[in-house]
C-alpha atoms as a PDB file:
ATOM      1  CA  MET A   1      16.698   6.280  47.018  1.00  0.00           C
ATOM      2  CA  LYS A   2      18.857   4.075  44.827  1.00  0.00           C
ATOM      3  CA  LYS A   3      16.081   1.460  44.708  1.00  0.00           C
ATOM      4  CA  PHE A   4      13.560   4.100  43.674  1.00  0.00           C
ATOM      5  CA  TYR A   5      15.896   5.314  40.909  1.00  0.00           C
ATOM      6  CA  ILE A   6      16.277   1.798  39.537  1.00  0.00           C
ATOM      7  CA  ILE A   7      12.503   1.315  39.528  1.00  0.00           C
ATOM      8  CA  PHE A   8      12.081   4.654  37.758  1.00  0.00           C
ATOM      9  CA  LEU A   9      14.589   3.700  35.065  1.00  0.00           C
ATOM     10  CA  PHE A  10      12.849   0.365  34.538  1.00  0.00           C
ATOM     11  CA  ALA A  11       9.448   2.047  34.225  1.00  0.00           C
ATOM     12  CA  PHE A  12      10.853   4.617  31.810  1.00  0.00           C
ATOM     13  CA  SER A  13      12.426   1.928  29.646  1.00  0.00           C
ATOM     14  CA  VAL A  14       9.122   0.035  29.494  1.00  0.00           C
ATOM     15  CA  MET A  15       7.258   3.219  28.519  1.00  0.00           C
ATOM     16  CA  THR A  16       9.838   3.984  25.838  1.00  0.00           C
ATOM     17  CA  ALA A  17       9.635   0.464  24.412  1.00  0.00           C
ATOM     18  CA  THR A  18       5.842   0.660  24.354  1.00  0.00           C
ATOM     19  CA  ALA A  19       5.951   3.997  22.537  1.00  0.00           C
ATOM     20  CA  GLN A  20       8.304   2.521  19.951  1.00  0.00           C
ATOM     21  CA  GLU A  21       6.069  -0.507  19.492  1.00  0.00           C
ATOM     22  CA  LYS A  22       3.088   1.782  18.900  1.00  0.00           C
ATOM     23  CA  LYS A  23       4.632   3.659  16.015  1.00  0.00           C
ATOM     24  CA  TYR A  24       1.642   2.475  13.983  1.00  0.00           C
ATOM     25  CA  SER A  25      -1.941   1.426  14.711  1.00  0.00           C
ATOM     26  CA  ASP A  26      -2.956  -1.743  16.552  1.00  0.00           C
ATOM     27  CA  HIS A  27      -4.378  -3.012  13.275  1.00  0.00           C
ATOM     28  CA  TYR A  28      -0.977  -2.602  11.625  1.00  0.00           C
ATOM     29  CA  TYR A  29       0.685  -4.884  14.189  1.00  0.00           C
ATOM     30  CA  GLU A  30      -2.181  -7.369  14.063  1.00  0.00           C
ATOM     31  CA  ARG A  31      -1.829  -7.643  10.307  1.00  0.00           C
ATOM     32  CA  VAL A  32       1.961  -7.972  10.485  1.00  0.00           C
ATOM     33  CA  ALA A  33       1.564 -10.751  13.065  1.00  0.00           C
ATOM     34  CA  GLN A  34      -0.960 -12.431  10.794  1.00  0.00           C
ATOM     35  CA  PHE A  35       1.443 -12.258   7.842  1.00  0.00           C
ATOM     36  CA  GLU A  36       4.241 -13.767   9.917  1.00  0.00           C
ATOM     37  CA  SER A  37       2.002 -16.658  10.968  1.00  0.00           C
ATOM     38  CA  GLU A  38       1.166 -17.559   7.383  1.00  0.00           C
ATOM     39  CA  THR A  39       3.147 -19.676   4.949  1.00  0.00           C
ATOM     40  CA  PRO A  40       6.151 -17.563   3.926  1.00  0.00           C
ATOM     41  CA  ILE A  41       5.956 -15.757   0.604  1.00  0.00           C
ATOM     42  CA  CYS A  42       7.673 -17.630  -2.220  1.00  0.00           C
ATOM     43  CA  SER A  43       8.787 -17.078  -5.802  1.00  0.00           C
ATOM     44  CA  ASN A  44       5.464 -18.315  -7.182  1.00  0.00           C
ATOM     45  CA  ASP A  45       3.408 -15.715  -5.311  1.00  0.00           C
ATOM     46  CA  ILE A  46       1.843 -12.486  -6.572  1.00  0.00           C
ATOM     47  CA  VAL A  47       1.685  -9.818  -3.874  1.00  0.00           C
ATOM     48  CA  PHE A  48      -0.721  -6.893  -3.624  1.00  0.00           C
ATOM     49  CA  LEU A  49       1.016  -4.363  -1.407  1.00  0.00           C
ATOM     50  CA  GLY A  50      -0.448  -1.174   0.000  1.00  0.00           C
ATOM     51  CA  ASN A  51      -2.959   0.420   2.349  1.00  0.00           C
ATOM     52  CA  SER A  52      -6.696   0.015   3.031  1.00  0.00           C
ATOM     53  CA  LEU A  53      -7.558   0.111  -0.658  1.00  0.00           C
ATOM     54  CA  THR A  54      -5.411  -2.956  -1.184  1.00  0.00           C
ATOM     55  CA  GLU A  55      -6.515  -4.672   2.016  1.00  0.00           C
ATOM     56  CA  GLY A  56     -10.144  -4.268   0.959  1.00  0.00           C
ATOM     57  CA  GLY A  57      -9.612  -6.069  -2.322  1.00  0.00           C
ATOM     58  CA  LYS A  58     -10.598  -9.734  -2.727  1.00  0.00           C
ATOM     59  CA  TRP A  59      -7.711 -10.366  -5.079  1.00  0.00           C
ATOM     60  CA  ASN A  60      -7.843 -14.152  -4.867  1.00  0.00           C
ATOM     61  CA  ASP A  61     -11.477 -14.065  -5.966  1.00  0.00           C
ATOM     62  CA  TYR A  62     -11.011 -11.378  -8.623  1.00  0.00           C
ATOM     63  CA  PHE A  63      -8.287 -13.435 -10.286  1.00  0.00           C
ATOM     64  CA  ALA A  64      -9.435 -16.942  -9.445  1.00  0.00           C
ATOM     65  CA  GLY A  65      -7.950 -18.394 -12.616  1.00  0.00           C
ATOM     66  CA  THR A  66      -4.507 -17.012 -11.826  1.00  0.00           C
ATOM     67  CA  GLU A  67      -4.859 -18.125  -8.210  1.00  0.00           C
ATOM     68  CA  SER A  68      -5.562 -21.673  -9.366  1.00  0.00           C
ATOM     69  CA  LYS A  69      -2.505 -21.734 -11.625  1.00  0.00           C
ATOM     70  CA  LEU A  70      -0.285 -20.383  -8.862  1.00  0.00           C
ATOM     71  CA  ASN A  71      -1.626 -22.948  -6.388  1.00  0.00           C
ATOM     72  CA  LYS A  72      -0.481 -25.767  -8.660  1.00  0.00           C
ATOM     73  CA  LYS A  73       3.080 -24.447  -8.323  1.00  0.00           C
ATOM     74  CA  GLY A  74       2.864 -23.886  -4.585  1.00  0.00           C
ATOM     75  CA  GLY A  75       2.087 -20.187  -4.908  1.00  0.00           C
ATOM     76  CA  ALA A  76      -0.864 -17.870  -4.352  1.00  0.00           C
ATOM     77  CA  ILE A  77      -2.096 -14.303  -4.598  1.00  0.00           C
ATOM     78  CA  ARG A  78      -1.152 -12.652  -1.300  1.00  0.00           C
ATOM     79  CA  ASN A  79      -2.882  -9.577   0.116  1.00  0.00           C
ATOM     80  CA  ARG A  80      -0.365  -7.389   1.934  1.00  0.00           C
ATOM     81  CA  GLY A  81      -2.534  -4.311   2.375  1.00  0.00           C
ATOM     82  CA  ILE A  82      -2.959  -2.641   5.762  1.00  0.00           C
ATOM     83  CA  ILE A  83      -5.562  -0.027   6.618  1.00  0.00           C
ATOM     84  CA  GLY A  84      -3.937   3.354   7.233  1.00  0.00           C
ATOM     85  CA  ASP A  85      -0.516   2.298   6.032  1.00  0.00           C
ATOM     86  CA  THR A  86       2.042   4.681   4.563  1.00  0.00           C
ATOM     87  CA  ALA A  87       5.201   4.259   2.526  1.00  0.00           C
ATOM     88  CA  GLU A  88       7.161   4.297   5.776  1.00  0.00           C
ATOM     89  CA  GLY A  89       4.971   1.581   7.286  1.00  0.00           C
ATOM     90  CA  ILE A  90       5.389  -0.542   4.177  1.00  0.00           C
ATOM     91  CA  ALA A  91       9.156  -0.070   4.339  1.00  0.00           C
ATOM     92  CA  ASP A  92       9.198  -1.314   7.926  1.00  0.00           C
ATOM     93  CA  ARG A  93       7.504  -4.585   6.936  1.00  0.00           C
ATOM     94  CA  LEU A  94       8.963  -5.054   3.473  1.00  0.00           C
ATOM     95  CA  ASP A  95      11.497  -7.735   4.415  1.00  0.00           C
ATOM     96  CA  GLU A  96       8.724 -10.253   5.024  1.00  0.00           C
ATOM     97  CA  ILE A  97       7.843  -9.885   1.355  1.00  0.00           C
ATOM     98  CA  THR A  98      11.138  -9.402  -0.444  1.00  0.00           C
ATOM     99  CA  LYS A  99      12.957 -12.270   1.272  1.00  0.00           C
ATOM    100  CA  GLY A 100      10.528 -14.599  -0.497  1.00  0.00           C
ATOM    101  CA  ALA A 101      11.313 -13.058  -3.911  1.00  0.00           C
ATOM    102  CA  PRO A 102       7.698 -13.122  -5.157  1.00  0.00           C
ATOM    103  CA  LYS A 103       6.922 -13.362  -8.845  1.00  0.00           C
ATOM    104  CA  LYS A 104       5.140  -9.988  -8.959  1.00  0.00           C
ATOM    105  CA  ILE A 105       4.347  -7.090  -6.637  1.00  0.00           C
ATOM    106  CA  PHE A 106       1.510  -4.637  -7.286  1.00  0.00           C
ATOM    107  CA  LEU A 107       2.292  -1.566  -5.201  1.00  0.00           C
ATOM    108  CA  LEU A 108      -0.158   1.217  -4.406  1.00  0.00           C
ATOM    109  CA  CYS A 109       0.355   3.730  -1.619  1.00  0.00           C
ATOM    110  CA  GLY A 110       0.492   7.453  -1.008  1.00  0.00           C
ATOM    111  CA  VAL A 111      -2.903   8.767   0.022  1.00  0.00           C
ATOM    112  CA  ASN A 112      -2.198   8.256   3.726  1.00  0.00           C
ATOM    113  CA  ASP A 113       1.151   9.961   3.288  1.00  0.00           C
ATOM    114  CA  ILE A 114      -0.743  12.939   1.850  1.00  0.00           C
ATOM    115  CA  SER A 115      -3.013  12.953   4.900  1.00  0.00           C
ATOM    116  CA  HIS A 116       0.088  13.167   7.128  1.00  0.00           C
ATOM    117  CA  ASN A 117       0.845  16.612   5.709  1.00  0.00           C
ATOM    118  CA  LEU A 118       3.793  15.556   3.589  1.00  0.00           C
ATOM    119  CA  THR A 119       4.667  17.537   0.475  1.00  0.00           C
ATOM    120  CA  VAL A 120       4.479  16.134  -3.043  1.00  0.00           C
ATOM    121  CA  ASP A 121       8.256  15.721  -3.089  1.00  0.00           C
ATOM    122  CA  GLU A 122       8.281  13.972   0.285  1.00  0.00           C
ATOM    123  CA  VAL A 123       5.610  11.478  -0.749  1.00  0.00           C
ATOM    124  CA  VAL A 124       7.389  10.741  -4.021  1.00  0.00           C
ATOM    125  CA  LYS A 125      10.731  10.301  -2.264  1.00  0.00           C
ATOM    126  CA  ARG A 126       9.273   7.775   0.178  1.00  0.00           C
ATOM    127  CA  ILE A 127       7.704   5.758  -2.613  1.00  0.00           C
ATOM    128  CA  GLU A 128      10.992   5.910  -4.503  1.00  0.00           C
ATOM    129  CA  THR A 129      12.680   4.391  -1.453  1.00  0.00           C
ATOM    130  CA  LEU A 130      10.288   1.447  -1.682  1.00  0.00           C
ATOM    131  CA  ILE A 131      11.036   0.979  -5.371  1.00  0.00           C
ATOM    132  CA  VAL A 132      14.775   0.960  -4.714  1.00  0.00           C
ATOM    133  CA  ARG A 133      14.401  -1.499  -1.831  1.00  0.00           C
ATOM    134  CA  ILE A 134      12.265  -3.918  -3.816  1.00  0.00           C
ATOM    135  CA  LYS A 135      14.562  -3.844  -6.844  1.00  0.00           C
ATOM    136  CA  SER A 136      17.622  -4.303  -4.662  1.00  0.00           C
ATOM    137  CA  ASP A 137      16.300  -6.933  -2.261  1.00  0.00           C
ATOM    138  CA  SER A 138      14.240  -8.913  -4.759  1.00  0.00           C
ATOM    139  CA  PRO A 139      15.659  -8.228  -8.246  1.00  0.00           C
ATOM    140  CA  ARG A 140      13.749 -11.067  -9.913  1.00  0.00           C
ATOM    141  CA  THR A 141      10.383  -9.694  -8.785  1.00  0.00           C
ATOM    142  CA  LYS A 142       8.404  -7.857 -11.445  1.00  0.00           C
ATOM    143  CA  LEU A 143       7.227  -4.637  -9.827  1.00  0.00           C
ATOM    144  CA  TYR A 144       4.078  -2.835 -10.967  1.00  0.00           C
ATOM    145  CA  LEU A 145       3.753   0.699  -9.616  1.00  0.00           C
ATOM    146  CA  GLN A 146       0.122   1.780  -9.552  1.00  0.00           C
ATOM    147  CA  SER A 147      -0.955   5.406  -9.583  1.00  0.00           C
ATOM    148  CA  ILE A 148      -2.540   6.868  -6.458  1.00  0.00           C
ATOM    149  CA  LEU A 149      -6.316   6.847  -6.722  1.00  0.00           C
ATOM    150  CA  PRO A 150      -8.333  10.064  -6.427  1.00  0.00           C
ATOM    151  CA  PHE A 151     -10.448  10.911  -3.406  1.00  0.00           C
ATOM    152  CA  ASN A 152     -13.508  13.125  -3.015  1.00  0.00           C
ATOM    153  CA  GLU A 153     -13.453  15.907  -0.431  1.00  0.00           C
ATOM    154  CA  SER A 154     -17.186  16.616  -0.784  1.00  0.00           C
ATOM    155  CA  PHE A 155     -17.932  13.656   1.505  1.00  0.00           C
ATOM    156  CA  LYS A 156     -16.168  15.562   4.310  1.00  0.00           C
ATOM    157  CA  ARG A 157     -15.052  12.342   6.003  1.00  0.00           C
ATOM    158  CA  TYR A 158     -11.286  12.825   6.074  1.00  0.00           C
ATOM    159  CA  LYS A 159     -10.304  16.272   7.313  1.00  0.00           C
ATOM    160  CA  ASN A 160      -6.603  15.584   6.866  1.00  0.00           C
ATOM    161  CA  LEU A 161      -7.214  15.395   3.113  1.00  0.00           C
ATOM    162  CA  ASP A 162      -9.048  18.734   2.875  1.00  0.00           C
ATOM    163  CA  GLY A 163      -7.589  20.963   0.190  1.00  0.00           C
ATOM    164  CA  LYS A 164      -5.207  18.287  -1.059  1.00  0.00           C
ATOM    165  CA  THR A 165      -7.059  16.812  -4.028  1.00  0.00           C
ATOM    166  CA  TRP A 166      -4.639  18.523  -6.418  1.00  0.00           C
ATOM    167  CA  MET A 167      -1.667  16.637  -4.962  1.00  0.00           C
ATOM    168  CA  VAL A 168      -2.721  13.266  -6.340  1.00  0.00           C
ATOM    169  CA  ALA A 169      -2.283  14.166 -10.008  1.00  0.00           C
ATOM    170  CA  GLU A 170       1.079  15.828  -9.336  1.00  0.00           C
ATOM    171  CA  ILE A 171       2.383  12.833  -7.421  1.00  0.00           C
ATOM    172  CA  ASN A 172       1.232  10.489 -10.178  1.00  0.00           C
ATOM    173  CA  VAL A 173       3.197  12.466 -12.762  1.00  0.00           C
ATOM    174  CA  GLU A 174       6.292  11.972 -10.627  1.00  0.00           C
ATOM    175  CA  LEU A 175       5.551   8.295 -10.092  1.00  0.00           C
ATOM    176  CA  GLU A 176       5.363   7.763 -13.834  1.00  0.00           C
ATOM    177  CA  ARG A 177       8.747   9.481 -14.118  1.00  0.00           C
ATOM    178  CA  LEU A 178      10.181   7.191 -11.443  1.00  0.00           C
ATOM    179  CA  ALA A 179       8.812   4.133 -13.224  1.00  0.00           C
ATOM    180  CA  GLY A 180      10.650   5.163 -16.366  1.00  0.00           C
ATOM    181  CA  MET A 181      13.835   5.866 -14.433  1.00  0.00           C
ATOM    182  CA  TYR A 182      13.825   2.496 -12.690  1.00  0.00           C
ATOM    183  CA  LYS A 183      12.473   0.598 -15.683  1.00  0.00           C
ATOM    184  CA  ILE A 184       9.354  -0.751 -14.001  1.00  0.00           C
ATOM    185  CA  LYS A 185       5.765  -0.827 -15.244  1.00  0.00           C
ATOM    186  CA  PHE A 186       3.576   2.138 -14.274  1.00  0.00           C
ATOM    187  CA  LEU A 187      -0.150   1.413 -14.199  1.00  0.00           C
ATOM    188  CA  ASN A 188      -1.943   4.740 -14.501  1.00  0.00           C
ATOM    189  CA  ILE A 189      -5.379   3.686 -13.265  1.00  0.00           C
ATOM    190  CA  TYR A 190      -6.110   7.098 -11.708  1.00  0.00           C
ATOM    191  CA  PRO A 191      -8.241   8.457 -14.632  1.00  0.00           C
ATOM    192  CA  LEU A 192     -10.568   5.466 -14.485  1.00  0.00           C
ATOM    193  CA  PHE A 193     -11.856   6.480 -11.055  1.00  0.00           C
ATOM    194  CA  LEU A 194     -12.540  10.149 -11.736  1.00  0.00           C
ATOM    195  CA  GLU A 195     -15.927  11.787 -11.784  1.00  0.00           C
ATOM    196  CA  GLU A 196     -16.424  13.068 -15.321  1.00  0.00           C
ATOM    197  CA  GLY A 197     -15.075  16.577 -15.794  1.00  0.00           C
ATOM    198  CA  THR A 198     -13.392  16.687 -12.372  1.00  0.00           C
ATOM    199  CA  VAL A 199     -10.238  15.540 -10.600  1.00  0.00           C
ATOM    200  CA  ARG A 200     -12.088  13.853  -7.741  1.00  0.00           C
ATOM    201  CA  LEU A 201     -13.228  10.296  -7.070  1.00  0.00           C
ATOM    202  CA  ASN A 202     -16.484   9.352  -8.752  1.00  0.00           C
ATOM    203  CA  PRO A 203     -19.106   9.416  -5.956  1.00  0.00           C
ATOM    204  CA  SER A 204     -20.920   6.433  -7.463  1.00  0.00           C
ATOM    205  CA  ILE A 205     -18.033   4.076  -6.621  1.00  0.00           C
ATOM    206  CA  THR A 206     -17.429   5.102  -3.007  1.00  0.00           C
ATOM    207  CA  ALA A 207     -19.378   5.414   0.232  1.00  0.00           C
ATOM    208  CA  ASP A 208     -16.989   7.740   2.035  1.00  0.00           C
ATOM    209  CA  GLY A 209     -15.018   9.622  -0.611  1.00  0.00           C
ATOM    210  CA  LEU A 210     -11.907   7.478  -0.304  1.00  0.00           C
ATOM    211  CA  HIS A 211     -12.612   3.753  -0.202  1.00  0.00           C
ATOM    212  CA  LEU A 212     -14.083   1.803  -3.088  1.00  0.00           C
ATOM    213  CA  ASN A 213     -17.311  -0.144  -3.335  1.00  0.00           C
ATOM    214  CA  ALA A 214     -17.730  -3.327  -5.373  1.00  0.00           C
ATOM    215  CA  GLN A 215     -18.119  -1.324  -8.585  1.00  0.00           C
ATOM    216  CA  GLY A 216     -14.875   0.482  -7.894  1.00  0.00           C
ATOM    217  CA  TYR A 217     -12.983  -2.739  -7.363  1.00  0.00           C
ATOM    218  CA  GLU A 218     -14.442  -4.085 -10.591  1.00  0.00           C
ATOM    219  CA  ILE A 219     -12.897  -1.126 -12.414  1.00  0.00           C
ATOM    220  CA  TRP A 220      -9.565  -1.803 -10.750  1.00  0.00           C
ATOM    221  CA  LYS A 221      -9.734  -5.518 -11.545  1.00  0.00           C
ATOM    222  CA  SER A 222     -10.455  -4.859 -15.211  1.00  0.00           C
ATOM    223  CA  ALA A 223      -7.664  -2.304 -15.483  1.00  0.00           C
ATOM    224  CA  ILE A 224      -4.863  -4.551 -14.209  1.00  0.00           C
ATOM    225  CA  GLY A 225      -6.152  -7.992 -15.140  1.00  0.00           C
ATOM    226  CA  LYS A 226      -3.798  -8.579 -18.047  1.00  0.00           C
ATOM    227  CA  TYR A 227      -0.796  -7.866 -15.830  1.00  0.00           C
ATOM    228  CA  VAL A 228      -1.867 -10.224 -13.052  1.00  0.00           C
ATOM    229  CA  LYS A 229      -1.998 -13.271 -15.332  1.00  0.00           C
END
């Protein structure tokens, strides 16, 4: 009986550890492992930090001139986006970035937090936590807080976003307030992606109502280009 109890405890501990390890998606852990295998982030790097929208961007190509200049100093443009990531997920992997004290961080997150049924205040508070962490752990890094981009419910692809279009604009108002409070640059790119006369993502720059096509990324690139240099 004692032997059985010990085996049970061992099995339970393994199950518990596995559950803890699977707090996020397999892709999340694959990306984190990839980041850890790469050359560590340094003070000459520019980091794009966020979710699938960031991961899908070819930032090194969009800003090839800046990439070349950074390379000469031992730096690079680093993509730290992960599909499906939230402010909490970013917080759990932030040390890998801040310990290198990168030159700049372009942060964009929030839409996945909205899909997890968080309130406006809860989403804002979690993003504020990231701001505080970055400023505290890497004070020399210039942080650019980007507005959440709109989505388009008419595509009916993401049920967890149904009825939540209105939240994006409200969160962005609060993010701009936070940027002023913490004296960081707020990049309000949200209006550039709207369908004319609406508060939803322009259907011509997306295939699923959330993610951007090449035209959408071109808009993004143009909007932040002068800050990436």
